[in-house]
């Protein structure tokens, strides 16, 4: 068999395999309430020169830290043991679920991470001090972290919006899901505990993109 024919057969086999190979979709990560801290606020809460202690690596340089804080709302409602995520950021931010808002008696907006202007106020209490944030508490929007390679595969780009679907015991569609593309991301859709519980989704389940805008 000559080389041209071998290459043709090989290409045909690859194309058939690609067509028959099932795409498992995009893995889901369920995010519990958590806090991001600026270096200044970290030192106020934990002490001068303090550095976060990584507990579990997440994606890129992000990690869940050993450190936790207490949330105190303006109405003096509290939630203790809220995990801090690292590394430190320019501005502190609190991400909670809608269910948490009932306990804390606050009304944070649904926002992309980092968009905290005009968001809800919250106090943070640590072992060495406390911080009151005039803004910084949000409910994180549903979003998909994606590698550039997978973005190309799915035909999307940074800040595109998609609809996704999960087929499980409680089939559900999520609309207007923000796509965030970056080199150091793993491809994973992030939802909060309320979304996960309502749709019977577990950490590591998969969703499928059904519509791109």
Protein backbone atom coordinates (compact mmCIF):
# COMPACT_ATOMS: atom_id res chain seq x y z
CA UNK A 1 0.00 0.00 0.00
CA UNK A 2 1.54 3.30 -1.04
CA UNK A 3 2.09 6.18 1.40
CA UNK A 4 -0.70 8.37 -0.04
CA UNK A 5 -3.26 5.59 0.38
CA UNK A 6 -2.06 4.88 3.95
CA UNK A 7 -2.46 8.58 4.85
CA UNK A 8 -5.94 8.66 3.27
CA UNK A 9 -7.08 5.59 5.20
CA UNK A 10 -5.60 6.94 8.44
CA UNK A 11 -7.39 10.28 8.01
CA UNK A 12 -10.68 8.51 7.28
CA UNK A 13 -10.35 6.40 10.45
CA UNK A 14 -9.61 9.52 12.56
CA UNK A 15 -12.66 11.31 11.16
CA UNK A 16 -14.90 8.31 11.92
CA UNK A 17 -13.55 8.08 15.49
CA UNK A 18 -14.08 11.81 16.03
CA UNK A 19 -17.70 11.53 14.90
CA UNK A 20 -18.46 8.51 17.08
CA UNK A 21 -16.60 9.73 20.16
CA UNK A 22 -19.06 11.13 22.70
CA UNK A 23 -18.30 14.50 24.28
CA UNK A 24 -18.99 14.12 28.00
CA UNK A 25 -19.58 17.86 28.20
CA UNK A 26 -18.32 20.35 30.76
CA UNK A 27 -17.58 19.33 34.33
CA UNK A 28 -19.47 21.12 37.10
CA UNK A 29 -17.89 22.53 40.22
CA UNK A 30 -20.18 23.42 43.13
CA UNK A 31 -19.01 26.52 45.02
CA UNK A 32 -19.91 26.94 48.68
CA UNK A 33 -19.90 30.39 50.29
CA UNK A 34 -16.38 31.84 50.46
CA UNK A 35 -14.31 34.99 50.84
CA UNK A 36 -11.51 36.60 48.82
CA UNK A 37 -9.29 39.02 50.78
CA UNK A 38 -7.00 41.92 49.96
CA UNK A 39 -3.59 41.83 51.65
CA UNK A 40 -4.56 44.77 53.85
CA UNK A 41 -7.75 43.09 55.05
CA UNK A 42 -5.94 39.77 55.50
CA UNK A 43 -3.45 41.43 57.84
CA UNK A 44 -6.22 43.20 59.77
CA UNK A 45 -8.02 39.88 60.31
CA UNK A 46 -5.03 37.59 60.91
CA UNK A 47 -2.06 39.80 61.84
CA UNK A 48 0.70 41.90 60.31
CA UNK A 49 2.56 40.18 57.46
CA UNK A 50 0.18 37.21 57.50
CA UNK A 51 0.16 34.80 54.54
CA UNK A 52 -2.61 32.37 53.65
CA UNK A 53 -1.98 28.66 54.15
CA UNK A 54 -3.06 26.57 51.12
CA UNK A 55 -5.36 23.67 52.01
CA UNK A 56 -6.41 22.52 48.54
CA UNK A 57 -5.33 23.71 45.08
CA UNK A 58 -8.22 24.63 42.77
CA UNK A 59 -7.13 25.88 39.33
CA UNK A 60 -4.10 27.85 38.24
CA UNK A 61 -2.69 29.54 41.34
CA UNK A 62 -6.05 29.58 43.15
CA UNK A 63 -6.52 27.59 46.34
CA UNK A 64 -8.81 27.01 49.29
CA UNK A 65 -6.97 28.20 52.38
CA UNK A 66 -6.90 26.74 55.87
CA UNK A 67 -8.14 30.10 57.17
CA UNK A 68 -11.80 30.86 57.81
CA UNK A 69 -13.66 33.99 58.92
CA UNK A 70 -17.05 34.90 60.36
CA UNK A 71 -19.53 36.94 58.31
CA UNK A 72 -21.51 39.58 60.22
CA UNK A 73 -24.28 41.40 58.40
CA UNK A 74 -25.44 44.96 59.19
CA UNK A 75 -28.37 43.39 61.06
CA UNK A 76 -25.81 41.48 63.19
CA UNK A 77 -26.72 38.07 61.75
CA UNK A 78 -23.68 35.78 61.48
CA UNK A 79 -22.31 32.78 59.58
CA UNK A 80 -19.15 31.26 61.04
CA UNK A 81 -16.41 29.19 59.42
CA UNK A 82 -16.49 30.75 55.95
CA UNK A 83 -13.52 29.58 53.90
CA UNK A 84 -10.98 32.07 52.54
CA UNK A 85 -9.74 31.47 48.97
CA UNK A 86 -6.31 32.58 47.84
CA UNK A 87 -4.23 34.18 46.58
CA UNK A 88 -5.01 37.67 47.85
CA UNK A 89 -6.82 40.08 45.53
CA UNK A 90 -6.87 43.82 45.02
CA UNK A 91 -10.27 44.07 46.75
CA UNK A 92 -11.99 41.83 49.27
CA UNK A 93 -15.13 40.04 48.12
CA UNK A 94 -17.72 37.74 49.73
CA UNK A 95 -19.67 35.21 47.66
CA UNK A 96 -22.79 33.69 49.24
CA UNK A 97 -25.91 31.85 48.08
CA UNK A 98 -29.48 33.11 48.04
CA UNK A 99 -30.24 30.83 50.98
CA UNK A 100 -27.47 32.54 52.96
CA UNK A 101 -29.14 35.91 52.38
CA UNK A 102 -32.18 34.80 54.39
CA UNK A 103 -30.03 34.01 57.41
CA UNK A 104 -27.92 37.17 57.08
CA UNK A 105 -30.83 39.44 56.12
CA UNK A 106 -28.93 41.03 53.21
CA UNK A 107 -29.77 41.59 49.54
CA UNK A 108 -26.61 41.21 47.42
CA UNK A 109 -26.82 41.46 43.63
CA UNK A 110 -26.03 38.60 41.24
CA UNK A 111 -22.70 39.58 39.72
CA UNK A 112 -19.59 38.22 37.99
CA UNK A 113 -16.71 37.78 40.42
CA UNK A 114 -14.81 41.05 40.81
CA UNK A 115 -17.79 43.26 39.98
CA UNK A 116 -18.51 44.55 43.48
CA UNK A 117 -19.31 48.24 42.94
CA UNK A 118 -22.53 49.05 44.77
CA UNK A 119 -22.89 45.50 46.14
CA UNK A 120 -24.03 44.61 49.65
CA UNK A 121 -22.09 45.57 52.80
CA UNK A 122 -20.68 42.96 55.19
CA UNK A 123 -18.31 42.73 58.15
CA UNK A 124 -15.62 40.07 58.45
CA UNK A 125 -14.24 38.86 61.77
CA UNK A 126 -10.95 37.01 62.15
CA UNK A 127 -8.78 35.98 65.10
CA UNK A 128 -6.88 39.29 65.20
CA UNK A 129 -9.48 41.87 64.16
CA UNK A 130 -12.46 42.80 62.04
CA UNK A 131 -13.15 44.61 58.77
CA UNK A 132 -16.32 46.33 57.61
CA UNK A 133 -16.81 46.40 53.85
CA UNK A 134 -19.18 49.07 52.53
CA UNK A 135 -19.52 46.90 49.41
CA UNK A 136 -18.23 43.48 48.42
CA UNK A 137 -20.93 40.88 49.06
CA UNK A 138 -22.41 39.26 45.93
CA UNK A 139 -24.16 36.16 44.69
CA UNK A 140 -21.83 34.90 41.95
CA UNK A 141 -23.35 34.52 38.50
CA UNK A 142 -23.30 31.11 36.84
CA UNK A 143 -20.14 30.92 34.77
CA UNK A 144 -17.84 28.57 32.92
CA UNK A 145 -14.09 28.73 33.30
CA UNK A 146 -12.56 27.53 30.04
CA UNK A 147 -9.16 26.91 28.51
CA UNK A 148 -8.41 28.64 25.18
CA UNK A 149 -8.27 25.20 23.54
CA UNK A 150 -11.75 24.25 24.77
CA UNK A 151 -13.09 27.70 23.88
CA UNK A 152 -12.01 27.06 20.30
CA UNK A 153 -13.51 23.58 20.45
CA UNK A 154 -16.90 24.90 21.60
CA UNK A 155 -16.77 27.97 19.34
CA UNK A 156 -16.90 30.55 22.13
CA UNK A 157 -14.70 33.36 23.41
CA UNK A 158 -14.14 35.24 26.67
CA UNK A 159 -17.33 36.86 28.03
CA UNK A 160 -19.62 35.06 25.58
CA UNK A 161 -22.96 33.92 27.00
CA UNK A 162 -24.33 30.39 26.58
CA UNK A 163 -27.22 28.21 27.75
CA UNK A 164 -26.41 24.81 29.20
CA UNK A 165 -28.37 21.69 30.04
CA UNK A 166 -27.91 18.77 32.40
CA UNK A 167 -29.65 15.44 31.88
CA UNK A 168 -29.98 13.71 35.25
CA UNK A 169 -32.82 12.81 37.65
CA UNK A 170 -33.94 16.47 37.52
CA UNK A 171 -33.10 17.68 33.97
CA UNK A 172 -32.42 21.41 34.05
CA UNK A 173 -31.38 24.23 31.71
CA UNK A 174 -29.36 27.22 32.88
CA UNK A 175 -29.62 30.38 30.80
CA UNK A 176 -27.21 33.30 30.31
CA UNK A 177 -24.10 31.53 31.62
CA UNK A 178 -20.98 33.67 31.26
CA UNK A 179 -17.91 32.10 29.62
CA UNK A 180 -14.52 33.16 31.02
CA UNK A 181 -11.47 32.10 29.02
CA UNK A 182 -7.91 32.17 30.38
CA UNK A 183 -4.70 30.19 29.96
CA UNK A 184 -4.52 29.13 33.62
CA UNK A 185 -8.17 27.97 33.85
CA UNK A 186 -9.45 24.42 33.84
CA UNK A 187 -12.67 23.92 31.91
CA UNK A 188 -15.40 23.81 34.55
CA UNK A 189 -18.82 25.36 35.12
CA UNK A 190 -19.28 26.93 38.56
CA UNK A 191 -22.66 27.07 40.27
CA UNK A 192 -23.51 27.68 43.90
CA UNK A 193 -25.03 25.22 46.37
CA UNK A 194 -28.58 26.46 45.77
CA UNK A 195 -28.37 25.73 42.04
CA UNK A 196 -26.78 22.36 42.70
CA UNK A 197 -29.35 21.26 45.27
CA UNK A 198 -32.31 22.42 43.16
CA UNK A 199 -31.16 20.38 40.15
CA UNK A 200 -29.69 17.37 42.02
CA UNK A 201 -26.22 18.18 40.65
CA UNK A 202 -23.13 16.73 42.28
CA UNK A 203 -19.53 17.93 42.09
CA UNK A 204 -18.06 16.47 38.91
CA UNK A 205 -21.34 16.04 37.00
CA UNK A 206 -21.37 17.31 33.40
CA UNK A 207 -23.47 19.81 31.47
CA UNK A 208 -23.79 20.40 27.74
CA UNK A 209 -23.76 23.73 25.93
CA UNK A 210 -26.99 23.93 23.91
CA UNK A 211 -27.12 27.58 22.79
CA UNK A 212 -24.47 30.24 22.09
CA UNK A 213 -25.27 33.95 21.83
